[in-house]
Amino acid sequence: MILLLAAMLLSSDPAASAPQTQPAPIEKPKKAKRICKRQDVDTGSHMAKSLCLTEDQWNARKEGISADEYEALHGRVGH
């Protein structure tokens, strides 16, 4: 009888008796909020153009960094 009980315990799946835990949900990285500003165009058009950038990109523009230089330093944002 003891041998039968020992055989049953050894043959049972230990993972089935262990409590199952839920994996932690993977959080998606938050997209940076984009700020759109109206740009005056000197091409003779009556239509105004708007430019949408993140706050960091607007600050970089104020400092004189081009969009290509910004992407080289910080990577492409929002795409």
N, C-alpha and C. Protein backbone atom coordinates (compact mmCIF):
# COMPACT_ATOMS: atom_id res chain seq x y z
N MET A 1 0.81 -1.18 0.00
CA MET A 1 0.00 0.00 0.00
C MET A 1 0.85 1.26 0.00
N ILE A 2 1.93 1.23 0.77
CA ILE A 2 2.83 2.37 0.84
C ILE A 2 3.52 2.58 -0.49
N LEU A 3 3.88 1.50 -1.16
CA LEU A 3 4.51 1.62 -2.47
C LEU A 3 3.56 2.24 -3.48
N LEU A 4 2.29 1.90 -3.42
CA LEU A 4 1.30 2.47 -4.33
C LEU A 4 1.14 3.97 -4.08
N LEU A 5 1.10 4.37 -2.83
CA LEU A 5 0.99 5.77 -2.48
C LEU A 5 2.23 6.54 -2.94
N ALA A 6 3.41 5.98 -2.74
CA ALA A 6 4.66 6.62 -3.16
C ALA A 6 4.70 6.75 -4.67
N ALA A 7 4.25 5.73 -5.40
CA ALA A 7 4.23 5.78 -6.86
C ALA A 7 3.28 6.86 -7.35
N MET A 8 2.14 7.03 -6.70
CA MET A 8 1.17 8.06 -7.10
C MET A 8 1.73 9.47 -6.86
N LEU A 9 2.43 9.63 -5.75
CA LEU A 9 3.01 10.94 -5.46
C LEU A 9 4.12 11.30 -6.43
N LEU A 10 4.92 10.32 -6.81
CA LEU A 10 6.02 10.57 -7.73
C LEU A 10 5.52 10.80 -9.15
N SER A 11 4.43 10.18 -9.52
CA SER A 11 3.94 10.32 -10.89
C SER A 11 3.09 11.56 -11.09
N SER A 12 2.65 12.20 -10.02
CA SER A 12 1.81 13.38 -10.18
C SER A 12 2.67 14.55 -10.65
N ASP A 13 2.05 15.46 -11.38
CA ASP A 13 2.73 16.63 -11.94
C ASP A 13 2.85 17.69 -10.86
N PRO A 14 4.07 18.07 -10.45
CA PRO A 14 4.22 19.07 -9.39
C PRO A 14 3.73 20.46 -9.84
N ALA A 15 3.78 20.75 -11.15
CA ALA A 15 3.33 22.05 -11.63
C ALA A 15 1.82 22.17 -11.52
N ALA A 16 1.12 21.05 -11.63
CA ALA A 16 -0.34 21.10 -11.54
C ALA A 16 -0.79 21.40 -10.12
N SER A 17 -0.05 20.96 -9.13
CA SER A 17 -0.45 21.20 -7.75
C SER A 17 0.02 22.57 -7.24
N ALA A 18 1.00 23.18 -7.91
CA ALA A 18 1.50 24.49 -7.50
C ALA A 18 0.49 25.57 -7.91
N PRO A 19 0.32 26.60 -7.10
CA PRO A 19 -0.62 27.66 -7.47
C PRO A 19 -0.12 28.39 -8.71
N GLN A 20 -1.04 28.68 -9.59
CA GLN A 20 -0.68 29.37 -10.82
C GLN A 20 -0.69 30.88 -10.58
N THR A 21 0.37 31.53 -11.05
CA THR A 21 0.45 32.98 -10.89
C THR A 21 0.30 33.62 -12.25
N GLN A 22 -0.31 34.78 -12.28
CA GLN A 22 -0.48 35.53 -13.51
C GLN A 22 0.80 36.29 -13.81
N PRO A 23 1.26 36.27 -15.06
CA PRO A 23 2.44 37.08 -15.38
C PRO A 23 2.09 38.56 -15.27
N ALA A 24 3.07 39.35 -14.92
CA ALA A 24 2.86 40.79 -14.79
C ALA A 24 2.54 41.37 -16.16
N PRO A 25 1.53 42.22 -16.24
CA PRO A 25 1.20 42.81 -17.54
C PRO A 25 2.33 43.71 -18.02
N ILE A 26 2.60 43.64 -19.30
CA ILE A 26 3.66 44.45 -19.89
C ILE A 26 3.08 45.82 -20.23
N GLU A 27 3.69 46.85 -19.68
CA GLU A 27 3.22 48.20 -19.93
C GLU A 27 3.84 48.73 -21.21
N LYS A 28 2.99 49.33 -22.03
CA LYS A 28 3.48 49.94 -23.26
C LYS A 28 4.10 51.29 -22.92
N PRO A 29 5.19 51.63 -23.60
CA PRO A 29 5.77 52.95 -23.34
C PRO A 29 4.79 54.03 -23.77
N LYS A 30 4.70 55.06 -22.95
CA LYS A 30 3.77 56.14 -23.25
C LYS A 30 4.32 57.00 -24.37
N LYS A 31 3.45 57.38 -25.27
CA LYS A 31 3.86 58.28 -26.34
C LYS A 31 3.94 59.68 -25.79
N ALA A 32 4.92 60.41 -26.27
CA ALA A 32 5.08 61.80 -25.84
C ALA A 32 3.94 62.62 -26.41
N LYS A 33 3.41 63.52 -25.61
CA LYS A 33 2.32 64.38 -26.05
C LYS A 33 2.84 65.35 -27.10
N ARG A 34 2.09 65.45 -28.18
CA ARG A 34 2.51 66.32 -29.27
C ARG A 34 1.81 67.67 -29.14
N ILE A 35 2.54 68.72 -29.46
CA ILE A 35 2.03 70.08 -29.41
C ILE A 35 2.05 70.61 -30.83
N CYS A 36 0.89 71.05 -31.32
CA CYS A 36 0.80 71.57 -32.69
C CYS A 36 0.76 73.09 -32.65
N LYS A 37 1.59 73.69 -33.49
CA LYS A 37 1.64 75.16 -33.58
C LYS A 37 1.47 75.56 -35.04
N ARG A 38 0.86 76.68 -35.22
CA ARG A 38 0.61 77.21 -36.56
C ARG A 38 1.88 77.89 -37.08
N GLN A 39 2.26 77.55 -38.28
CA GLN A 39 3.47 78.10 -38.88
C GLN A 39 3.09 79.03 -40.02
N ASP A 40 3.67 80.22 -40.04
CA ASP A 40 3.45 81.14 -41.15
C ASP A 40 4.35 80.73 -42.30
N VAL A 41 3.77 80.64 -43.47
CA VAL A 41 4.52 80.21 -44.65
C VAL A 41 4.60 81.40 -45.61
N ASP A 42 5.81 81.66 -46.07
CA ASP A 42 6.02 82.79 -46.98
C ASP A 42 6.08 82.33 -48.43
N THR A 43 5.18 81.45 -48.80
CA THR A 43 5.19 80.95 -50.18
C THR A 43 4.05 81.53 -51.00
N GLY A 44 3.28 82.46 -50.42
CA GLY A 44 2.17 83.05 -51.15
C GLY A 44 0.88 82.28 -50.96
N SER A 45 0.89 81.27 -50.14
CA SER A 45 -0.31 80.49 -49.91
C SER A 45 -1.17 81.15 -48.85
N HIS A 46 -2.47 81.03 -48.98
CA HIS A 46 -3.38 81.56 -47.98
C HIS A 46 -3.62 80.55 -46.86
N MET A 47 -3.20 79.34 -47.07
CA MET A 47 -3.40 78.28 -46.08
C MET A 47 -2.22 78.26 -45.11
N ALA A 48 -2.54 78.26 -43.83
CA ALA A 48 -1.49 78.18 -42.81
C ALA A 48 -1.10 76.71 -42.62
N LYS A 49 0.12 76.48 -42.34
CA LYS A 49 0.62 75.13 -42.08
C LYS A 49 0.78 74.96 -40.58
N SER A 50 0.56 73.74 -40.10
CA SER A 50 0.80 73.49 -38.68
C SER A 50 1.90 72.44 -38.55
N LEU A 51 2.64 72.55 -37.48
CA LEU A 51 3.74 71.64 -37.20
C LEU A 51 3.52 71.05 -35.82
N CYS A 52 3.52 69.73 -35.75
CA CYS A 52 3.29 69.04 -34.48
C CYS A 52 4.58 68.36 -34.03
N LEU A 53 5.06 68.74 -32.85
CA LEU A 53 6.28 68.17 -32.27
C LEU A 53 6.05 67.93 -30.78
N THR A 54 6.92 67.16 -30.18
CA THR A 54 6.86 66.97 -28.74
C THR A 54 7.46 68.20 -28.06
N GLU A 55 7.24 68.30 -26.76
CA GLU A 55 7.77 69.45 -26.02
C GLU A 55 9.30 69.49 -26.11
N ASP A 56 9.94 68.33 -26.02
CA ASP A 56 11.40 68.28 -26.13
C ASP A 56 11.86 68.75 -27.51
N GLN A 57 11.12 68.38 -28.55
CA GLN A 57 11.50 68.80 -29.90
C GLN A 57 11.32 70.31 -30.07
N TRP A 58 10.26 70.87 -29.48
CA TRP A 58 10.08 72.33 -29.56
C TRP A 58 11.22 73.04 -28.84
N ASN A 59 11.61 72.52 -27.68
CA ASN A 59 12.72 73.13 -26.94
C ASN A 59 14.02 73.03 -27.74
N ALA A 60 14.22 71.93 -28.43
CA ALA A 60 15.42 71.77 -29.25
C ALA A 60 15.41 72.77 -30.41
N ARG A 61 14.23 73.02 -30.97
CA ARG A 61 14.14 74.00 -32.06
C ARG A 61 14.52 75.40 -31.57
N LYS A 62 14.10 75.71 -30.34
CA LYS A 62 14.45 77.02 -29.77
C LYS A 62 15.95 77.14 -29.60
N GLU A 63 16.61 76.02 -29.29
CA GLU A 63 18.06 76.03 -29.09
C GLU A 63 18.82 75.97 -30.41
N GLY A 64 18.11 75.81 -31.52
CA GLY A 64 18.74 75.83 -32.82
C GLY A 64 19.16 74.45 -33.32
N ILE A 65 18.65 73.39 -32.73
CA ILE A 65 18.99 72.04 -33.18
C ILE A 65 17.98 71.63 -34.25
N SER A 66 18.46 71.14 -35.36
CA SER A 66 17.55 70.71 -36.42
C SER A 66 16.87 69.40 -36.04
N ALA A 67 15.81 69.06 -36.75
CA ALA A 67 15.06 67.83 -36.48
C ALA A 67 15.94 66.60 -36.68
N ASP A 68 16.81 66.63 -37.68
CA ASP A 68 17.71 65.50 -37.93
C ASP A 68 18.71 65.33 -36.79
N GLU A 69 19.24 66.45 -36.31
CA GLU A 69 20.18 66.39 -35.18
C GLU A 69 19.49 65.88 -33.92
N TYR A 70 18.23 66.31 -33.72
CA TYR A 70 17.48 65.87 -32.55
C TYR A 70 17.25 64.36 -32.60
N GLU A 71 16.83 63.86 -33.76
CA GLU A 71 16.60 62.42 -33.91
C GLU A 71 17.89 61.63 -33.73
N ALA A 72 19.01 62.20 -34.16
CA ALA A 72 20.29 61.51 -33.98
C ALA A 72 20.65 61.41 -32.49
N LEU A 73 20.29 62.45 -31.72
CA LEU A 73 20.60 62.45 -30.29
C LEU A 73 19.61 61.64 -29.47
N HIS A 74 18.32 61.75 -29.78
CA HIS A 74 17.28 61.19 -28.93
C HIS A 74 16.47 60.07 -29.58
N GLY A 75 16.69 59.80 -30.83
CA GLY A 75 15.88 58.80 -31.52
C GLY A 75 14.61 59.43 -32.03
N ARG A 76 13.92 58.69 -32.86
CA ARG A 76 12.69 59.19 -33.46
C ARG A 76 11.56 59.08 -32.47
N VAL A 77 10.79 60.13 -32.27
CA VAL A 77 9.73 60.16 -31.26
C VAL A 77 8.38 60.19 -31.96
N GLY A 78 7.43 59.38 -31.45
CA GLY A 78 6.06 59.44 -31.90
C GLY A 78 5.74 58.66 -33.16
N HIS A 79 6.65 57.82 -33.64
CA HIS A 79 6.36 57.03 -34.84
C HIS A 79 6.60 55.59 -34.58
